[in-house]
């Protein structure tokens, strides 16, 4: 399930995927992905105030 979401984010251009043998895969936000951070922070703050 996580792998599916990561593939979707890569396909949407929000993250990049790199895998260098023999290490694990790494995912990095793209410029478009970083542009979403302020909106995601606002959603996080909204949710935090509404959960016990």
PDB file of N, CA and C in Angstrom:
ATOM      1  N   UNK A   1       0.819  -1.192   0.000  1.00  0.00           N
ATOM      2  CA  UNK A   1       0.000   0.000   0.000  1.00  0.00           C
ATOM      3  C   UNK A   1       0.867   1.262   0.000  1.00  0.00           C
ATOM      4  N   UNK A   2       1.882   1.315   0.859  1.00  0.00           N
ATOM      5  CA  UNK A   2       2.784   2.461   0.868  1.00  0.00           C
ATOM      6  C   UNK A   2       3.503   2.583  -0.472  1.00  0.00           C
ATOM      7  N   UNK A   3       3.943   1.455  -1.001  1.00  0.00           N
ATOM      8  CA  UNK A   3       4.644   1.478  -2.296  1.00  0.00           C
ATOM      9  C   UNK A   3       3.737   2.029  -3.394  1.00  0.00           C
ATOM     10  N   UNK A   4       2.448   1.685  -3.335  1.00  0.00           N
ATOM     11  CA  UNK A   4       1.499   2.212  -4.326  1.00  0.00           C
ATOM     12  C   UNK A   4       1.395   3.734  -4.230  1.00  0.00           C
ATOM     13  N   UNK A   5       1.282   4.241  -2.998  1.00  0.00           N
ATOM     14  CA  UNK A   5       1.167   5.703  -2.813  1.00  0.00           C
ATOM     15  C   UNK A   5       2.438   6.404  -3.277  1.00  0.00           C
ATOM     16  N   UNK A   6       3.596   5.814  -2.978  1.00  0.00           N
ATOM     17  CA  UNK A   6       4.856   6.427  -3.415  1.00  0.00           C
ATOM     18  C   UNK A   6       4.949   6.458  -4.937  1.00  0.00           C
ATOM     19  N   UNK A   7       4.530   5.383  -5.590  1.00  0.00           N
ATOM     20  CA  UNK A   7       4.525   5.367  -7.071  1.00  0.00           C
ATOM     21  C   UNK A   7       3.602   6.454  -7.623  1.00  0.00           C
ATOM     22  N   UNK A   8       2.452   6.653  -6.973  1.00  0.00           N
ATOM     23  CA  UNK A   8       1.524   7.707  -7.405  1.00  0.00           C
ATOM     24  C   UNK A   8       2.156   9.087  -7.248  1.00  0.00           C
ATOM     25  N   UNK A   9       2.856   9.305  -6.136  1.00  0.00           N
ATOM     26  CA  UNK A   9       3.512  10.599  -5.920  1.00  0.00           C
ATOM     27  C   UNK A   9       4.627  10.839  -6.934  1.00  0.00           C
ATOM     28  N   UNK A  10       5.359   9.781  -7.265  1.00  0.00           N
ATOM     29  CA  UNK A  10       6.399   9.900  -8.302  1.00  0.00           C
ATOM     30  C   UNK A  10       5.754  10.231  -9.638  1.00  0.00           C
ATOM     31  N   UNK A  11       4.677   9.517  -9.984  1.00  0.00           N
ATOM     32  CA  UNK A  11       3.987   9.748 -11.258  1.00  0.00           C
ATOM     33  C   UNK A  11       3.412  11.161 -11.335  1.00  0.00           C
ATOM     34  N   UNK A  12       2.998  11.702 -10.190  1.00  0.00           N
ATOM     35  CA  UNK A  12       2.443  13.062 -10.152  1.00  0.00           C
ATOM     36  C   UNK A  12       3.526  14.127 -10.155  1.00  0.00           C
ATOM     37  N   UNK A  13       4.787  13.715 -10.050  1.00  0.00           N
ATOM     38  CA  UNK A  13       5.878  14.677 -10.061  1.00  0.00           C
ATOM     39  C   UNK A  13       6.096  15.373  -8.726  1.00  0.00           C
ATOM     40  N   UNK A  14       5.584  14.789  -7.639  1.00  0.00           N
ATOM     41  CA  UNK A  14       5.733  15.414  -6.318  1.00  0.00           C
ATOM     42  C   UNK A  14       6.954  14.912  -5.565  1.00  0.00           C
ATOM     43  N   UNK A  15       7.433  13.730  -5.915  1.00  0.00           N
ATOM     44  CA  UNK A  15       8.652  13.185  -5.321  1.00  0.00           C
ATOM     45  C   UNK A  15       9.481  12.516  -6.399  1.00  0.00           C
ATOM     46  N   UNK A  16      10.772  12.379  -6.122  1.00  0.00           N
ATOM     47  CA  UNK A  16      11.664  11.609  -6.994  1.00  0.00           C
ATOM     48  C   UNK A  16      12.055  10.349  -6.256  1.00  0.00           C
ATOM     49  N   UNK A  17      12.365   9.312  -7.010  1.00  0.00           N
ATOM     50  CA  UNK A  17      12.755   8.018  -6.449  1.00  0.00           C
ATOM     51  C   UNK A  17      14.162   7.699  -6.914  1.00  0.00           C
ATOM     52  N   UNK A  18      15.033   7.400  -5.957  1.00  0.00           N
ATOM     53  CA  UNK A  18      16.406   6.993  -6.268  1.00  0.00           C
ATOM     54  C   UNK A  18      16.722   5.728  -5.499  1.00  0.00           C
ATOM     55  N   UNK A  19      17.403   4.817  -6.158  1.00  0.00           N
ATOM     56  CA  UNK A  19      17.845   3.604  -5.475  1.00  0.00           C
ATOM     57  C   UNK A  19      19.239   3.283  -5.957  1.00  0.00           C
ATOM     58  N   UNK A  20      20.184   3.358  -5.044  1.00  0.00           N
ATOM     59  CA  UNK A  20      21.571   3.061  -5.361  1.00  0.00           C
ATOM     60  C   UNK A  20      21.947   1.741  -4.700  1.00  0.00           C
ATOM     61  N   UNK A  21      22.352   0.767  -5.492  1.00  0.00           N
ATOM     62  CA  UNK A  21      22.715  -0.527  -4.913  1.00  0.00           C
ATOM     63  C   UNK A  21      23.895  -0.368  -3.965  1.00  0.00           C
ATOM     64  N   UNK A  22      23.981  -1.034  -2.871  1.00  0.00           N
ATOM     65  CA  UNK A  22      23.006  -1.982  -2.355  1.00  0.00           C
ATOM     66  C   UNK A  22      22.062  -1.342  -1.336  1.00  0.00           C
ATOM     67  N   UNK A  23      21.995  -0.049  -1.292  1.00  0.00           N
ATOM     68  CA  UNK A  23      21.204   0.641  -0.276  1.00  0.00           C
ATOM     69  C   UNK A  23      19.717   0.664  -0.552  1.00  0.00           C
ATOM     70  N   UNK A  24      18.983   1.189   0.416  1.00  0.00           N
ATOM     71  CA  UNK A  24      17.530   1.285   0.263  1.00  0.00           C
ATOM     72  C   UNK A  24      17.145   2.420  -0.691  1.00  0.00           C
ATOM     73  N   UNK A  25      15.907   2.416  -1.088  1.00  0.00           N
ATOM     74  CA  UNK A  25      15.389   3.470  -1.958  1.00  0.00           C
ATOM     75  C   UNK A  25      15.250   4.757  -1.150  1.00  0.00           C
ATOM     76  N   UNK A  26      15.442   5.880  -1.816  1.00  0.00           N
ATOM     77  CA  UNK A  26      15.215   7.171  -1.179  1.00  0.00           C
ATOM     78  C   UNK A  26      14.207   7.952  -2.014  1.00  0.00           C
ATOM     79  N   UNK A  27      13.386   8.723  -1.332  1.00  0.00           N
ATOM     80  CA  UNK A  27      12.383   9.560  -1.973  1.00  0.00           C
ATOM     81  C   UNK A  27      12.624  10.985  -1.517  1.00  0.00           C
ATOM     82  N   UNK A  28      12.577  11.920  -2.474  1.00  0.00           N
ATOM     83  CA  UNK A  28      12.847  13.327  -2.188  1.00  0.00           C
ATOM     84  C   UNK A  28      11.748  14.170  -2.805  1.00  0.00           C
ATOM     85  N   UNK A  29      11.296  15.162  -2.048  1.00  0.00           N
ATOM     86  CA  UNK A  29      10.290  16.077  -2.600  1.00  0.00           C
ATOM     87  C   UNK A  29      10.860  16.867  -3.755  1.00  0.00           C
ATOM     88  N   UNK A  30      10.072  17.043  -4.784  1.00  0.00           N
ATOM     89  CA  UNK A  30      10.445  17.910  -5.895  1.00  0.00           C
ATOM     90  C   UNK A  30      10.052  19.344  -5.538  1.00  0.00           C
ATOM     91  N   UNK A  31      10.327  20.271  -6.419  1.00  0.00           N
ATOM     92  CA  UNK A  31       9.907  21.656  -6.211  1.00  0.00           C
ATOM     93  C   UNK A  31       8.395  21.738  -6.056  1.00  0.00           C
ATOM     94  N   UNK A  32       7.660  21.010  -6.890  1.00  0.00           N
ATOM     95  CA  UNK A  32       6.197  20.993  -6.770  1.00  0.00           C
ATOM     96  C   UNK A  32       5.758  20.390  -5.442  1.00  0.00           C
ATOM     97  N   UNK A  33       6.427  19.338  -4.996  1.00  0.00           N
ATOM     98  CA  UNK A  33       6.100  18.728  -3.716  1.00  0.00           C
ATOM     99  C   UNK A  33       6.352  19.688  -2.560  1.00  0.00           C
ATOM    100  N   UNK A  34       7.480  20.390  -2.607  1.00  0.00           N
ATOM    101  CA  UNK A  34       7.790  21.371  -1.550  1.00  0.00           C
ATOM    102  C   UNK A  34       6.801  22.526  -1.567  1.00  0.00           C
ATOM    103  N   UNK A  35       6.264  22.863  -2.721  1.00  0.00           N
ATOM    104  CA  UNK A  35       5.292  23.957  -2.812  1.00  0.00           C
ATOM    105  C   UNK A  35       4.011  23.628  -2.054  1.00  0.00           C
ATOM    106  N   UNK A  36       3.743  22.354  -1.830  1.00  0.00           N
ATOM    107  CA  UNK A  36       2.551  21.940  -1.085  1.00  0.00           C
ATOM    108  C   UNK A  36       2.724  22.020   0.430  1.00  0.00           C
ATOM    109  N   UNK A  37       3.949  22.156   0.911  1.00  0.00           N
ATOM    110  CA  UNK A  37       4.187  22.125   2.355  1.00  0.00           C
ATOM    111  C   UNK A  37       3.391  23.162   3.146  1.00  0.00           C
ATOM    112  N   UNK A  38       3.285  24.421   2.716  1.00  0.00           N
ATOM    113  CA  UNK A  38       2.483  25.372   3.491  1.00  0.00           C
ATOM    114  C   UNK A  38       1.013  24.947   3.607  1.00  0.00           C
ATOM    115  N   UNK A  39       0.448  24.431   2.547  1.00  0.00           N
ATOM    116  CA  UNK A  39      -0.947  23.984   2.597  1.00  0.00           C
ATOM    117  C   UNK A  39      -1.085  22.777   3.519  1.00  0.00           C
ATOM    118  N   UNK A  40      -0.141  21.844   3.452  1.00  0.00           N
ATOM    119  CA  UNK A  40      -0.196  20.675   4.324  1.00  0.00           C
ATOM    120  C   UNK A  40      -0.035  21.069   5.788  1.00  0.00           C
ATOM    121  N   UNK A  41       0.775  22.046   6.067  1.00  0.00           N
ATOM    122  CA  UNK A  41       0.936  22.535   7.438  1.00  0.00           C
ATOM    123  C   UNK A  41      -0.371  23.128   7.946  1.00  0.00           C
ATOM    124  N   UNK A  42      -1.073  23.850   7.122  1.00  0.00           N
ATOM    125  CA  UNK A  42      -2.362  24.415   7.518  1.00  0.00           C
ATOM    126  C   UNK A  42      -3.378  23.309   7.807  1.00  0.00           C
ATOM    127  N   UNK A  43      -3.386  22.273   6.997  1.00  0.00           N
ATOM    128  CA  UNK A  43      -4.292  21.147   7.228  1.00  0.00           C
ATOM    129  C   UNK A  43      -3.924  20.441   8.534  1.00  0.00           C
ATOM    130  N   UNK A  44      -2.627  20.241   8.774  1.00  0.00           N
ATOM    131  CA  UNK A  44      -2.183  19.611  10.015  1.00  0.00           C
ATOM    132  C   UNK A  44      -2.620  20.422  11.222  1.00  0.00           C
ATOM    133  N   UNK A  45      -2.433  21.730  11.185  1.00  0.00           N
ATOM    134  CA  UNK A  45      -2.823  22.601  12.297  1.00  0.00           C
ATOM    135  C   UNK A  45      -4.334  22.556  12.512  1.00  0.00           C
ATOM    136  N   UNK A  46      -5.102  22.577  11.440  1.00  0.00           N
ATOM    137  CA  UNK A  46      -6.564  22.502  11.534  1.00  0.00           C
ATOM    138  C   UNK A  46      -6.979  21.206  12.220  1.00  0.00           C
ATOM    139  N   UNK A  47      -6.390  20.083  11.782  1.00  0.00           N
ATOM    140  CA  UNK A  47      -6.742  18.781  12.339  1.00  0.00           C
ATOM    141  C   UNK A  47      -6.324  18.675  13.804  1.00  0.00           C
ATOM    142  N   UNK A  48      -5.190  19.237  14.133  1.00  0.00           N
ATOM    143  CA  UNK A  48      -4.688  19.149  15.520  1.00  0.00           C
ATOM    144  C   UNK A  48      -5.647  19.849  16.483  1.00  0.00           C
ATOM    145  N   UNK A  49      -6.241  20.940  16.069  1.00  0.00           N
ATOM    146  CA  UNK A  49      -7.163  21.669  16.927  1.00  0.00           C
ATOM    147  C   UNK A  49      -8.517  20.971  17.049  1.00  0.00           C
ATOM    148  N   UNK A  50      -8.784  20.004  16.187  1.00  0.00           N
ATOM    149  CA  UNK A  50     -10.094  19.342  16.175  1.00  0.00           C
ATOM    150  C   UNK A  50     -10.063  17.902  16.646  1.00  0.00           C
ATOM    151  N   UNK A  51      -8.915  17.448  17.108  1.00  0.00           N
ATOM    152  CA  UNK A  51      -8.837  16.083  17.618  1.00  0.00           C
ATOM    153  C   UNK A  51      -8.497  16.123  19.100  1.00  0.00           C
ATOM    154  N   UNK A  52      -9.100  15.231  19.869  1.00  0.00           N
ATOM    155  CA  UNK A  52      -8.848  15.228  21.316  1.00  0.00           C
ATOM    156  C   UNK A  52      -7.453  14.752  21.680  1.00  0.00           C
TER     157      UNK A  52
END
